[in-house]
Amino acid sequence: MDEGRFSVSAQFRVAPLFCRPWTLNGISPRLIESHYEHNYGAALTRLNAVTRELEGIDFGTATPQAIGRLKREQIDLLNSTLLHELYFASLGGDGRTLPEVIANAITRDFRSVSHWRQEFIALAEALAGDAGWILLTYVPRDGRLINQSASDHTQSIAGGIPILALDMYEHAYHIEYGPNTTAYIAAFMRNIDWASVEARYNDAVKVAPPRPLQQSEFKDVPSITAEEVQGMLAAGQPVQIIDTRPRHYSTRAQDIVDGAVWRDPERLDEWIGTLSKEAPVVTFCVYGFHIGCQSAAALKAAGFDARYMAGGHYAWKAIKGPVKLFE
């Protein structure tokens, strides 16, 4: 058999319907069939047409505006396709019962499953009469779940992995529910396939977060975040905060972390005796690279519970930590 006769050129392929329409509670096969064929199918067909047009374009003669328009349309259609596939894959179960892993994850990030439901439904009802998507998304950067309201196909959380999708475009409900979006949302919630959501969550948590800054020369020196330092101060915990920005920088500085004292890092041997070993020490420089790390390393070697503040002075200012005039 000539296998070449059955080869398919590079294109985005249709995903078989994930849910079984006849099993859904309050959502008819007619609604799902129409949605899948006419809306998902149309987005996929147009996506392939635009992709072929982009593949055949002469970038030497085409205008940047034409290229940009086609590329924006391609991304819009691709997101529509992917979100529709996730929507259909979100249906087909008993939405009232959550497996342990996903229930624990939602409780961790939303205080309770009930609180998550209230927020998710409120976001959906806020889109009533409008158009968009409500998504439950896992963010590898922070290792947490977040609800998201997207008013069109192009809005997304960069690096986020959606694991549950509710289509709030009119085509998803109007032929059956008319303007009664409350009933449609309730039906969706009743039919969530939590086993599949949990499976997607288990896949998502395997995705590594963005690579953090790594300084191999200071890999043995403990660090602390600006948020953690702020939390210690807010809680009234004893902490010694030392600004070790080098003199050539500090002489031009106008502000300093409120609660910190400046010490010349080149004269550490002279001021180390003023510190107490009974309270932790946090050192920082301008950006959290060398000087603050070196100071923390020297203090740690001298027996202090010392850490450097990652990101330095500017990380503190970026989180709107309190500062005072540098005197």
C-alpha atoms as a PDB file:
ATOM      1  CA  MET A   1       0.000   0.000   0.000  1.00  0.00           C
ATOM      2  CA  ASP A   2       1.277   3.451  -0.872  1.00  0.00           C
ATOM      3  CA  GLU A   3       1.387   5.059   2.574  1.00  0.00           C
ATOM      4  CA  GLY A   4       2.146   8.396   0.948  1.00  0.00           C
ATOM      5  CA  ARG A   5      -1.427   8.544  -0.348  1.00  0.00           C
ATOM      6  CA  PHE A   6      -2.616   8.863   3.257  1.00  0.00           C
ATOM      7  CA  SER A   7      -0.015  11.345   4.495  1.00  0.00           C
ATOM      8  CA  VAL A   8      -1.314  14.621   5.849  1.00  0.00           C
ATOM      9  CA  SER A   9       0.574  17.875   5.445  1.00  0.00           C
ATOM     10  CA  ALA A  10       1.592  19.714   8.570  1.00  0.00           C
ATOM     11  CA  GLN A  11      -1.581  21.057  10.139  1.00  0.00           C
ATOM     12  CA  PHE A  12      -3.524  21.275  13.358  1.00  0.00           C
ATOM     13  CA  ARG A  13      -5.620  18.136  13.649  1.00  0.00           C
ATOM     14  CA  VAL A  14      -9.082  17.708  15.080  1.00  0.00           C
ATOM     15  CA  ALA A  15      -9.326  16.273  18.589  1.00  0.00           C
ATOM     16  CA  PRO A  16     -12.078  13.668  19.024  1.00  0.00           C
ATOM     17  CA  LEU A  17     -14.877  14.760  21.323  1.00  0.00           C
ATOM     18  CA  PHE A  18     -13.653  13.979  24.838  1.00  0.00           C
ATOM     19  CA  CYS A  19     -16.931  13.856  26.763  1.00  0.00           C
ATOM     20  CA  ARG A  20     -19.854  11.513  26.081  1.00  0.00           C
ATOM     21  CA  PRO A  21     -22.751  13.900  25.357  1.00  0.00           C
ATOM     22  CA  TRP A  22     -25.541  11.462  26.241  1.00  0.00           C
ATOM     23  CA  THR A  23     -24.215  11.114  29.805  1.00  0.00           C
ATOM     24  CA  LEU A  24     -24.357  14.811  30.701  1.00  0.00           C
ATOM     25  CA  ASN A  25     -26.848  16.046  33.251  1.00  0.00           C
ATOM     26  CA  GLY A  26     -28.813  19.056  31.975  1.00  0.00           C
ATOM     27  CA  ILE A  27     -26.707  19.579  28.846  1.00  0.00           C
ATOM     28  CA  SER A  28     -28.151  17.958  25.764  1.00  0.00           C
ATOM     29  CA  PRO A  29     -26.242  16.096  23.026  1.00  0.00           C
ATOM     30  CA  ARG A  30     -27.698  18.636  20.579  1.00  0.00           C
ATOM     31  CA  LEU A  31     -25.933  21.501  22.344  1.00  0.00           C
ATOM     32  CA  ILE A  32     -22.608  19.673  22.543  1.00  0.00           C
ATOM     33  CA  GLU A  33     -22.819  18.487  18.926  1.00  0.00           C
ATOM     34  CA  SER A  34     -23.566  21.984  17.633  1.00  0.00           C
ATOM     35  CA  HIS A  35     -20.802  23.483  19.752  1.00  0.00           C
ATOM     36  CA  TYR A  36     -18.245  20.886  18.664  1.00  0.00           C
ATOM     37  CA  GLU A  37     -19.110  20.903  14.971  1.00  0.00           C
ATOM     38  CA  HIS A  38     -19.856  24.534  14.263  1.00  0.00           C
ATOM     39  CA  ASN A  39     -17.726  26.476  16.723  1.00  0.00           C
ATOM     40  CA  TYR A  40     -14.757  24.255  17.520  1.00  0.00           C
ATOM     41  CA  GLY A  41     -14.754  22.902  13.974  1.00  0.00           C
ATOM     42  CA  ALA A  42     -14.927  26.364  12.427  1.00  0.00           C
ATOM     43  CA  ALA A  43     -12.034  27.609  14.573  1.00  0.00           C
ATOM     44  CA  LEU A  44      -9.908  24.593  13.618  1.00  0.00           C
ATOM     45  CA  THR A  45     -10.700  24.925   9.921  1.00  0.00           C
ATOM     46  CA  ARG A  46      -9.897  28.622   9.888  1.00  0.00           C
ATOM     47  CA  LEU A  47      -6.733  27.998  11.941  1.00  0.00           C
ATOM     48  CA  ASN A  48      -5.422  25.642   9.272  1.00  0.00           C
ATOM     49  CA  ALA A  49      -6.359  28.070   6.500  1.00  0.00           C
ATOM     50  CA  VAL A  50      -4.516  30.952   8.177  1.00  0.00           C
ATOM     51  CA  THR A  51      -1.530  28.696   8.919  1.00  0.00           C
ATOM     52  CA  ARG A  52      -1.309  27.677   5.269  1.00  0.00           C
ATOM     53  CA  GLU A  53      -1.496  31.330   4.266  1.00  0.00           C
ATOM     54  CA  LEU A  54       1.359  32.165   6.634  1.00  0.00           C
ATOM     55  CA  GLU A  55       3.442  29.256   5.353  1.00  0.00           C
ATOM     56  CA  GLY A  56       3.044  30.485   1.783  1.00  0.00           C
ATOM     57  CA  ILE A  57       3.618  34.160   2.404  1.00  0.00           C
ATOM     58  CA  ASP A  58       6.517  35.974   0.758  1.00  0.00           C
ATOM     59  CA  PHE A  59       8.071  37.829   3.678  1.00  0.00           C
ATOM     60  CA  GLY A  60      10.133  39.858   1.243  1.00  0.00           C
ATOM     61  CA  THR A  61       7.106  41.510  -0.345  1.00  0.00           C
ATOM     62  CA  ALA A  62       4.319  41.213   2.227  1.00  0.00           C
ATOM     63  CA  THR A  63       3.750  44.233   4.437  1.00  0.00           C
ATOM     64  CA  PRO A  64       4.522  43.970   8.165  1.00  0.00           C
ATOM     65  CA  GLN A  65       0.899  44.907   8.839  1.00  0.00           C
ATOM     66  CA  ALA A  66      -0.411  41.953   6.803  1.00  0.00           C
ATOM     67  CA  ILE A  67       1.990  39.536   8.477  1.00  0.00           C
ATOM     68  CA  GLY A  68       1.086  40.852  11.924  1.00  0.00           C
ATOM     69  CA  ARG A  69      -2.642  40.580  11.223  1.00  0.00           C
ATOM     70  CA  LEU A  70      -2.336  36.967  10.085  1.00  0.00           C
ATOM     71  CA  LYS A  71      -0.157  36.009  13.035  1.00  0.00           C
ATOM     72  CA  ARG A  72      -2.559  37.585  15.531  1.00  0.00           C
ATOM     73  CA  GLU A  73      -5.458  35.745  13.908  1.00  0.00           C
ATOM     74  CA  GLN A  74      -3.544  32.472  14.009  1.00  0.00           C
ATOM     75  CA  ILE A  75      -2.844  32.794  17.740  1.00  0.00           C
ATOM     76  CA  ASP A  76      -6.458  33.772  18.437  1.00  0.00           C
ATOM     77  CA  LEU A  77      -7.726  30.727  16.542  1.00  0.00           C
ATOM     78  CA  LEU A  78      -5.176  28.392  18.118  1.00  0.00           C
ATOM     79  CA  ASN A  79      -6.217  29.496  21.606  1.00  0.00           C
ATOM     80  CA  SER A  80      -9.869  29.078  20.657  1.00  0.00           C
ATOM     81  CA  THR A  81      -9.126  25.552  19.448  1.00  0.00           C
ATOM     82  CA  LEU A  82      -7.142  24.577  22.538  1.00  0.00           C
ATOM     83  CA  LEU A  83      -9.644  26.064  24.977  1.00  0.00           C
ATOM     84  CA  HIS A  84     -12.575  24.359  23.253  1.00  0.00           C
ATOM     85  CA  GLU A  85     -10.755  21.032  23.523  1.00  0.00           C
ATOM     86  CA  LEU A  86     -10.181  21.671  27.226  1.00  0.00           C
ATOM     87  CA  TYR A  87     -13.830  22.679  27.677  1.00  0.00           C
ATOM     88  CA  PHE A  88     -15.103  19.395  26.243  1.00  0.00           C
ATOM     89  CA  ALA A  89     -12.517  17.512  28.294  1.00  0.00           C
ATOM     90  CA  SER A  90     -13.790  19.267  31.427  1.00  0.00           C
ATOM     91  CA  LEU A  91     -17.232  17.638  31.127  1.00  0.00           C
ATOM     92  CA  GLY A  92     -18.530  14.151  31.749  1.00  0.00           C
ATOM     93  CA  GLY A  93     -18.313  13.548  35.479  1.00  0.00           C
ATOM     94  CA  ASP A  94     -20.097  14.183  38.752  1.00  0.00           C
ATOM     95  CA  GLY A  95     -19.097  17.758  39.479  1.00  0.00           C
ATOM     96  CA  ARG A  96     -20.090  17.408  43.124  1.00  0.00           C
ATOM     97  CA  THR A  97     -17.290  14.999  44.078  1.00  0.00           C
ATOM     98  CA  LEU A  98     -13.587  15.850  43.874  1.00  0.00           C
ATOM     99  CA  PRO A  99     -10.779  13.285  44.150  1.00  0.00           C
ATOM    100  CA  GLU A 100      -8.374  13.783  47.033  1.00  0.00           C
ATOM    101  CA  VAL A 101      -5.381  15.251  45.188  1.00  0.00           C
ATOM    102  CA  ILE A 102      -7.237  18.011  43.347  1.00  0.00           C
ATOM    103  CA  ALA A 103      -9.443  18.697  46.377  1.00  0.00           C
ATOM    104  CA  ASN A 104      -6.353  19.212  48.537  1.00  0.00           C
ATOM    105  CA  ALA A 105      -4.724  21.432  45.912  1.00  0.00           C
ATOM    106  CA  ILE A 106      -7.820  23.616  45.590  1.00  0.00           C
ATOM    107  CA  THR A 107      -8.169  23.832  49.373  1.00  0.00           C
ATOM    108  CA  ARG A 108      -4.519  24.845  49.637  1.00  0.00           C
ATOM    109  CA  ASP A 109      -4.863  27.701  47.140  1.00  0.00           C
ATOM    110  CA  PHE A 110      -8.476  28.824  47.710  1.00  0.00           C
ATOM    111  CA  ARG A 111      -8.995  28.081  51.434  1.00  0.00           C
ATOM    112  CA  SER A 112     -11.725  25.554  50.587  1.00  0.00           C
ATOM    113  CA  VAL A 113     -13.449  23.875  47.652  1.00  0.00           C
ATOM    114  CA  SER A 114     -16.565  25.857  48.522  1.00  0.00           C
ATOM    115  CA  HIS A 115     -14.669  29.147  48.307  1.00  0.00           C
ATOM    116  CA  TRP A 116     -13.197  28.097  44.960  1.00  0.00           C
ATOM    117  CA  ARG A 117     -16.672  27.301  43.624  1.00  0.00           C
ATOM    118  CA  GLN A 118     -18.023  30.664  44.758  1.00  0.00           C
ATOM    119  CA  GLU A 119     -15.202  32.545  43.045  1.00  0.00           C
ATOM    120  CA  PHE A 120     -15.341  30.469  39.844  1.00  0.00           C
ATOM    121  CA  ILE A 121     -19.122  30.899  39.533  1.00  0.00           C
ATOM    122  CA  ALA A 122     -18.929  34.621  40.340  1.00  0.00           C
ATOM    123  CA  LEU A 123     -16.365  35.114  37.570  1.00  0.00           C
ATOM    124  CA  ALA A 124     -18.609  33.214  35.136  1.00  0.00           C
ATOM    125  CA  GLU A 125     -21.680  35.229  36.078  1.00  0.00           C
ATOM    126  CA  ALA A 126     -19.686  38.436  35.597  1.00  0.00           C
ATOM    127  CA  LEU A 127     -19.270  37.428  31.928  1.00  0.00           C
ATOM    128  CA  ALA A 128     -22.994  36.845  31.430  1.00  0.00           C
ATOM    129  CA  GLY A 129     -24.078  38.679  28.296  1.00  0.00           C
ATOM    130  CA  ASP A 130     -20.441  39.141  27.339  1.00  0.00           C
ATOM    131  CA  ALA A 131     -18.041  36.558  25.943  1.00  0.00           C
ATOM    132  CA  GLY A 132     -14.945  34.788  27.176  1.00  0.00           C
ATOM    133  CA  TRP A 133     -13.573  31.938  29.218  1.00  0.00           C
ATOM    134  CA  ILE A 134     -13.323  31.084  32.901  1.00  0.00           C
ATOM    135  CA  LEU A 135     -10.261  28.960  33.564  1.00  0.00           C
ATOM    136  CA  LEU A 136      -8.701  27.144  36.471  1.00  0.00           C
ATOM    137  CA  THR A 137      -5.008  27.434  35.726  1.00  0.00           C
ATOM    138  CA  TYR A 138      -1.867  26.013  37.329  1.00  0.00           C
ATOM    139  CA  VAL A 139       1.095  28.397  37.446  1.00  0.00           C
ATOM    140  CA  PRO A 140       4.432  26.531  37.684  1.00  0.00           C
ATOM    141  CA  ARG A 141       6.261  29.737  38.674  1.00  0.00           C
ATOM    142  CA  ASP A 142       4.499  29.763  42.031  1.00  0.00           C
ATOM    143  CA  GLY A 143       3.307  26.160  42.232  1.00  0.00           C
ATOM    144  CA  ARG A 144      -0.316  27.202  42.709  1.00  0.00           C
ATOM    145  CA  LEU A 145      -3.748  27.242  41.104  1.00  0.00           C
ATOM    146  CA  ILE A 146      -5.563  30.432  40.149  1.00  0.00           C
ATOM    147  CA  ASN A 147      -8.953  31.228  38.641  1.00  0.00           C
ATOM    148  CA  GLN A 148      -8.808  33.365  35.531  1.00  0.00           C
ATOM    149  CA  SER A 149     -11.381  35.357  33.575  1.00  0.00           C
ATOM    150  CA  ALA A 150     -10.445  35.883  29.935  1.00  0.00           C
ATOM    151  CA  SER A 151     -12.615  38.156  27.830  1.00  0.00           C
ATOM    152  CA  ASP A 152     -11.336  36.732  24.554  1.00  0.00           C
ATOM    153  CA  HIS A 153      -9.198  33.925  23.146  1.00  0.00           C
ATOM    154  CA  THR A 154      -5.885  35.773  23.405  1.00  0.00           C
ATOM    155  CA  GLN A 155      -5.783  36.483  27.117  1.00  0.00           C
ATOM    156  CA  SER A 156      -3.729  34.003  29.071  1.00  0.00           C
ATOM    157  CA  ILE A 157      -1.413  33.709  32.044  1.00  0.00           C
ATOM    158  CA  ALA A 158       2.096  33.514  30.618  1.00  0.00           C
ATOM    159  CA  GLY A 159       3.496  30.134  31.566  1.00  0.00           C
ATOM    160  CA  GLY A 160       0.160  29.039  33.041  1.00  0.00           C
ATOM    161  CA  ILE A 161      -1.378  25.635  32.293  1.00  0.00           C
ATOM    162  CA  PRO A 162      -5.207  25.644  32.167  1.00  0.00           C
ATOM    163  CA  ILE A 163      -6.723  22.454  33.590  1.00  0.00           C
ATOM    164  CA  LEU A 164     -10.435  23.377  33.591  1.00  0.00           C
ATOM    165  CA  ALA A 165     -12.327  25.592  31.132  1.00  0.00           C
ATOM    166  CA  LEU A 166     -15.848  27.025  31.072  1.00  0.00           C
ATOM    167  CA  ASP A 167     -16.884  28.525  27.730  1.00  0.00           C
ATOM    168  CA  MET A 168     -18.923  31.682  28.328  1.00  0.00           C
ATOM    169  CA  TYR A 169     -19.414  32.572  24.679  1.00  0.00           C
ATOM    170  CA  GLU A 170     -23.099  32.666  23.739  1.00  0.00           C
ATOM    171  CA  HIS A 171     -22.694  29.759  21.315  1.00  0.00           C
ATOM    172  CA  ALA A 172     -21.941  27.478  24.284  1.00  0.00           C
ATOM    173  CA  TYR A 173     -25.415  27.794  25.820  1.00  0.00           C
ATOM    174  CA  HIS A 174     -27.896  29.989  23.963  1.00  0.00           C
ATOM    175  CA  ILE A 175     -29.676  27.397  21.820  1.00  0.00           C
ATOM    176  CA  GLU A 176     -30.619  25.534  24.990  1.00  0.00           C
ATOM    177  CA  TYR A 177     -30.583  28.064  27.814  1.00  0.00           C
ATOM    178  CA  GLY A 178     -31.216  31.336  25.999  1.00  0.00           C
ATOM    179  CA  PRO A 179     -30.060  34.220  28.209  1.00  0.00           C
ATOM    180  CA  ASN A 180     -30.250  32.084  31.391  1.00  0.00           C
ATOM    181  CA  THR A 181     -26.515  31.850  32.004  1.00  0.00           C
ATOM    182  CA  THR A 182     -27.079  31.013  35.679  1.00  0.00           C
ATOM    183  CA  ALA A 183     -28.687  27.705  34.722  1.00  0.00           C
ATOM    184  CA  TYR A 184     -25.955  26.988  32.173  1.00  0.00           C
ATOM    185  CA  ILE A 185     -23.182  27.651  34.701  1.00  0.00           C
ATOM    186  CA  ALA A 186     -24.916  25.411  37.246  1.00  0.00           C
ATOM    187  CA  ALA A 187     -25.182  22.623  34.666  1.00  0.00           C
ATOM    188  CA  PHE A 188     -21.496  22.949  33.818  1.00  0.00           C
ATOM    189  CA  MET A 189     -20.504  22.766  37.491  1.00  0.00           C
ATOM    190  CA  ARG A 190     -22.686  19.663  37.928  1.00  0.00           C
ATOM    191  CA  ASN A 191     -20.930  17.899  35.024  1.00  0.00           C
ATOM    192  CA  ILE A 192     -17.258  18.650  35.729  1.00  0.00           C
ATOM    193  CA  ASP A 193     -15.113  15.563  35.198  1.00  0.00           C
ATOM    194  CA  TRP A 194     -12.897  16.005  38.244  1.00  0.00           C
ATOM    195  CA  ALA A 195     -10.932  12.821  37.575  1.00  0.00           C
ATOM    196  CA  SER A 196      -9.738  14.295  34.285  1.00  0.00           C
ATOM    197  CA  VAL A 197      -9.063  17.663  35.913  1.00  0.00           C
ATOM    198  CA  GLU A 198      -6.962  15.920  38.546  1.00  0.00           C
ATOM    199  CA  ALA A 199      -5.043  14.028  35.846  1.00  0.00           C
ATOM    200  CA  ARG A 200      -4.243  17.304  34.089  1.00  0.00           C
ATOM    201  CA  TYR A 201      -3.208  18.823  37.423  1.00  0.00           C
ATOM    202  CA  ASN A 202      -0.852  15.889  38.054  1.00  0.00           C
ATOM    203  CA  ASP A 203       0.697  16.504  34.642  1.00  0.00           C
ATOM    204  CA  ALA A 204       0.943  20.250  35.219  1.00  0.00           C
ATOM    205  CA  VAL A 205       2.790  20.002  38.526  1.00  0.00           C
ATOM    206  CA  LYS A 206       5.549  18.087  36.758  1.00  0.00           C
ATOM    207  CA  VAL A 207       6.362  21.188  34.706  1.00  0.00           C
ATOM    208  CA  ALA A 208       9.370  22.915  36.218  1.00  0.00           C
ATOM    209  CA  PRO A 209       9.039  26.576  37.158  1.00  0.00           C
ATOM    210  CA  PRO A 210      11.158  29.166  35.316  1.00  0.00           C
ATOM    211  CA  ARG A 211      14.807  28.676  36.171  1.00  0.00           C
ATOM    212  CA  PRO A 212      15.757  30.875  39.133  1.00  0.00           C
ATOM    213  CA  LEU A 213      18.872  32.977  39.345  1.00  0.00           C
ATOM    214  CA  GLN A 214      21.737  30.687  40.320  1.00  0.00           C
ATOM    215  CA  GLN A 215      25.066  31.944  41.594  1.00  0.00           C
ATOM    216  CA  SER A 216      27.342  28.937  41.804  1.00  0.00           C
ATOM    217  CA  GLU A 217      29.953  30.822  43.811  1.00  0.00           C
ATOM    218  CA  PHE A 218      27.411  31.426  46.573  1.00  0.00           C
ATOM    219  CA  LYS A 219      25.486  28.144  46.397  1.00  0.00           C
ATOM    220  CA  ASP A 220      26.289  27.386  50.060  1.00  0.00           C
ATOM    221  CA  VAL A 221      25.200  30.817  51.321  1.00  0.00           C
ATOM    222  CA  PRO A 222      21.551  30.860  52.446  1.00  0.00           C
ATOM    223  CA  SER A 223      19.252  33.506  51.018  1.00  0.00           C
ATOM    224  CA  ILE A 224      15.968  35.063  52.066  1.00  0.00           C
ATOM    225  CA  THR A 225      13.354  36.812  49.924  1.00  0.00           C
ATOM    226  CA  ALA A 226      12.366  40.437  50.295  1.00  0.00           C
ATOM    227  CA  GLU A 227       8.826  39.284  51.138  1.00  0.00           C
ATOM    228  CA  GLU A 228      10.129  37.082  53.954  1.00  0.00           C
ATOM    229  CA  VAL A 229      12.132  39.961  55.426  1.00  0.00           C
ATOM    230  CA  GLN A 230       9.063  42.185  55.203  1.00  0.00           C
ATOM    231  CA  GLY A 231       7.056  39.489  56.983  1.00  0.00           C
ATOM    232  CA  MET A 232       9.610  39.245  59.791  1.00  0.00           C
ATOM    233  CA  LEU A 233       9.489  43.002  60.352  1.00  0.00           C
ATOM    234  CA  ALA A 234       5.702  43.085  60.251  1.00  0.00           C
ATOM    235  CA  ALA A 235       5.561  40.272  62.827  1.00  0.00           C
ATOM    236  CA  GLY A 236       7.983  42.091  65.111  1.00  0.00           C
ATOM    237  CA  GLN A 237      10.579  39.325  64.902  1.00  0.00           C
ATOM    238  CA  PRO A 238      14.088  40.391  65.938  1.00  0.00           C
ATOM    239  CA  VAL A 239      16.289  40.726  62.871  1.00  0.00           C
ATOM    240  CA  GLN A 240      19.424  42.713  62.104  1.00  0.00           C
ATOM    241  CA  ILE A 241      19.237  44.168  58.596  1.00  0.00           C
ATOM    242  CA  ILE A 242      22.530  45.389  57.195  1.00  0.00           C
ATOM    243  CA  ASP A 243      22.746  47.467  54.026  1.00  0.00           C
ATOM    244  CA  THR A 244      26.120  46.569  52.524  1.00  0.00           C
ATOM    245  CA  ARG A 245      25.887  48.518  49.299  1.00  0.00           C
ATOM    246  CA  PRO A 246      29.439  49.562  48.429  1.00  0.00           C
ATOM    247  CA  ARG A 247      30.476  53.092  49.324  1.00  0.00           C
ATOM    248  CA  HIS A 248      30.747  54.235  45.709  1.00  0.00           C
ATOM    249  CA  TYR A 249      27.039  53.432  45.401  1.00  0.00           C
ATOM    250  CA  SER A 250      25.729  54.335  48.845  1.00  0.00           C
ATOM    251  CA  THR A 251      27.213  57.838  48.647  1.00  0.00           C
ATOM    252  CA  ARG A 252      24.843  58.496  45.738  1.00  0.00           C
ATOM    253  CA  ALA A 253      21.845  56.728  47.267  1.00  0.00           C
ATOM    254  CA  GLN A 254      18.815  58.654  48.440  1.00  0.00           C
ATOM    255  CA  ASP A 255      16.963  55.979  50.381  1.00  0.00           C
ATOM    256  CA  ILE A 256      17.560  52.947  52.559  1.00  0.00           C
ATOM    257  CA  VAL A 257      15.360  50.093  53.778  1.00  0.00           C
ATOM    258  CA  ASP A 258      13.401  51.285  56.785  1.00  0.00           C
ATOM    259  CA  GLY A 259      14.834  49.286  59.692  1.00  0.00           C
ATOM    260  CA  ALA A 260      18.238  48.734  58.104  1.00  0.00           C
ATOM    261  CA  VAL A 261      21.627  50.262  58.931  1.00  0.00           C
ATOM    262  CA  TRP A 262      24.343  50.860  56.384  1.00  0.00           C
ATOM    263  CA  ARG A 263      27.760  49.356  56.962  1.00  0.00           C
ATOM    264  CA  ASP A 264      30.792  49.592  54.703  1.00  0.00           C
ATOM    265  CA  PRO A 265      31.335  46.054  53.346  1.00  0.00           C
ATOM    266  CA  GLU A 266      35.052  46.718  53.013  1.00  0.00           C
ATOM    267  CA  ARG A 267      35.308  47.343  56.767  1.00  0.00           C
ATOM    268  CA  LEU A 268      33.345  44.334  57.961  1.00  0.00           C
ATOM    269  CA  ASP A 269      36.028  43.419  60.494  1.00  0.00           C
ATOM    270  CA  GLU A 270      35.430  46.762  62.239  1.00  0.00           C
ATOM    271  CA  TRP A 271      31.650  46.518  62.673  1.00  0.00           C
ATOM    272  CA  ILE A 272      31.080  42.775  63.004  1.00  0.00           C
ATOM    273  CA  GLY A 273      31.519  43.106  66.764  1.00  0.00           C
ATOM    274  CA  THR A 274      28.442  45.331  66.996  1.00  0.00           C
ATOM    275  CA  LEU A 275      26.156  42.507  65.872  1.00  0.00           C
ATOM    276  CA  SER A 276      24.378  40.065  68.148  1.00  0.00           C
ATOM    277  CA  LYS A 277      24.489  36.330  67.596  1.00  0.00           C
ATOM    278  CA  GLU A 278      21.117  36.040  69.296  1.00  0.00           C
ATOM    279  CA  ALA A 279      19.164  37.424  66.309  1.00  0.00           C
ATOM    280  CA  PRO A 280      19.391  36.557  62.595  1.00  0.00           C
ATOM    281  CA  VAL A 281      21.266  38.878  60.282  1.00  0.00           C
ATOM    282  CA  VAL A 282      20.132  39.830  56.768  1.00  0.00           C
ATOM    283  CA  THR A 283      22.562  41.579  54.460  1.00  0.00           C
ATOM    284  CA  PHE A 284      21.822  43.078  51.072  1.00  0.00           C
ATOM    285  CA  CYS A 285      23.489  45.079  48.338  1.00  0.00           C
ATOM    286  CA  VAL A 286      22.072  46.860  45.292  1.00  0.00           C
ATOM    287  CA  TYR A 287      20.753  43.929  43.253  1.00  0.00           C
ATOM    288  CA  GLY A 288      21.566  40.868  45.367  1.00  0.00           C
ATOM    289  CA  PHE A 289      24.550  39.594  43.448  1.00  0.00           C
ATOM    290  CA  HIS A 290      28.004  39.874  44.991  1.00  0.00           C
ATOM    291  CA  ILE A 291      28.541  42.220  47.917  1.00  0.00           C
ATOM    292  CA  GLY A 292      25.515  41.228  49.977  1.00  0.00           C
ATOM    293  CA  CYS A 293      26.319  37.555  49.356  1.00  0.00           C
ATOM    294  CA  GLN A 294      29.963  37.981  50.317  1.00  0.00           C
ATOM    295  CA  SER A 295      28.980  39.808  53.508  1.00  0.00           C
ATOM    296  CA  ALA A 296      26.522  37.077  54.473  1.00  0.00           C
ATOM    297  CA  ALA A 297      29.149  34.411  53.773  1.00  0.00           C
ATOM    298  CA  ALA A 298      31.687  36.172  56.005  1.00  0.00           C
ATOM    299  CA  LEU A 299      29.163  36.587  58.821  1.00  0.00           C
ATOM    300  CA  LYS A 300      28.049  32.961  58.529  1.00  0.00           C
ATOM    301  CA  ALA A 301      31.690  31.836  58.728  1.00  0.00           C
ATOM    302  CA  ALA A 302      32.007  33.912  61.916  1.00  0.00           C
ATOM    303  CA  GLY A 303      29.115  32.027  63.531  1.00  0.00           C
ATOM    304  CA  PHE A 304      26.177  34.318  62.765  1.00  0.00           C
ATOM    305  CA  ASP A 305      22.782  33.163  61.498  1.00  0.00           C
ATOM    306  CA  ALA A 306      23.248  35.214  58.351  1.00  0.00           C
ATOM    307  CA  ARG A 307      21.446  35.314  55.014  1.00  0.00           C
ATOM    308  CA  TYR A 308      21.539  37.611  52.022  1.00  0.00           C
ATOM    309  CA  MET A 309      18.358  39.189  50.676  1.00  0.00           C
ATOM    310  CA  ALA A 310      17.780  37.955  47.126  1.00  0.00           C
ATOM    311  CA  GLY A 311      17.294  40.837  44.709  1.00  0.00           C
ATOM    312  CA  GLY A 312      18.860  43.336  47.098  1.00  0.00           C
ATOM    313  CA  HIS A 313      17.722  46.923  47.587  1.00  0.00           C
ATOM    314  CA  TYR A 314      15.741  47.029  44.348  1.00  0.00           C
ATOM    315  CA  ALA A 315      13.801  43.851  45.126  1.00  0.00           C
ATOM    316  CA  TRP A 316      12.739  45.548  48.369  1.00  0.00           C
ATOM    317  CA  LYS A 317      11.618  48.623  46.471  1.00  0.00           C
ATOM    318  CA  ALA A 318       9.860  46.497  43.849  1.00  0.00           C
ATOM    319  CA  ILE A 319       7.583  44.995  46.526  1.00  0.00           C
ATOM    320  CA  LYS A 320       6.981  48.519  47.877  1.00  0.00           C
ATOM    321  CA  GLY A 321       8.839  47.796  51.097  1.00  0.00           C
ATOM    322  CA  PRO A 322       9.122  50.874  53.331  1.00  0.00           C
ATOM    323  CA  VAL A 323      12.191  53.041  52.885  1.00  0.00           C
ATOM    324  CA  LYS A 324      13.522  56.124  54.590  1.00  0.00           C
ATOM    325  CA  LEU A 325      15.943  58.868  53.614  1.00  0.00           C
ATOM    326  CA  PHE A 326      19.560  57.781  53.551  1.00  0.00           C
ATOM    327  CA  GLU A 327      21.392  59.994  56.028  1.00  0.00           C
END
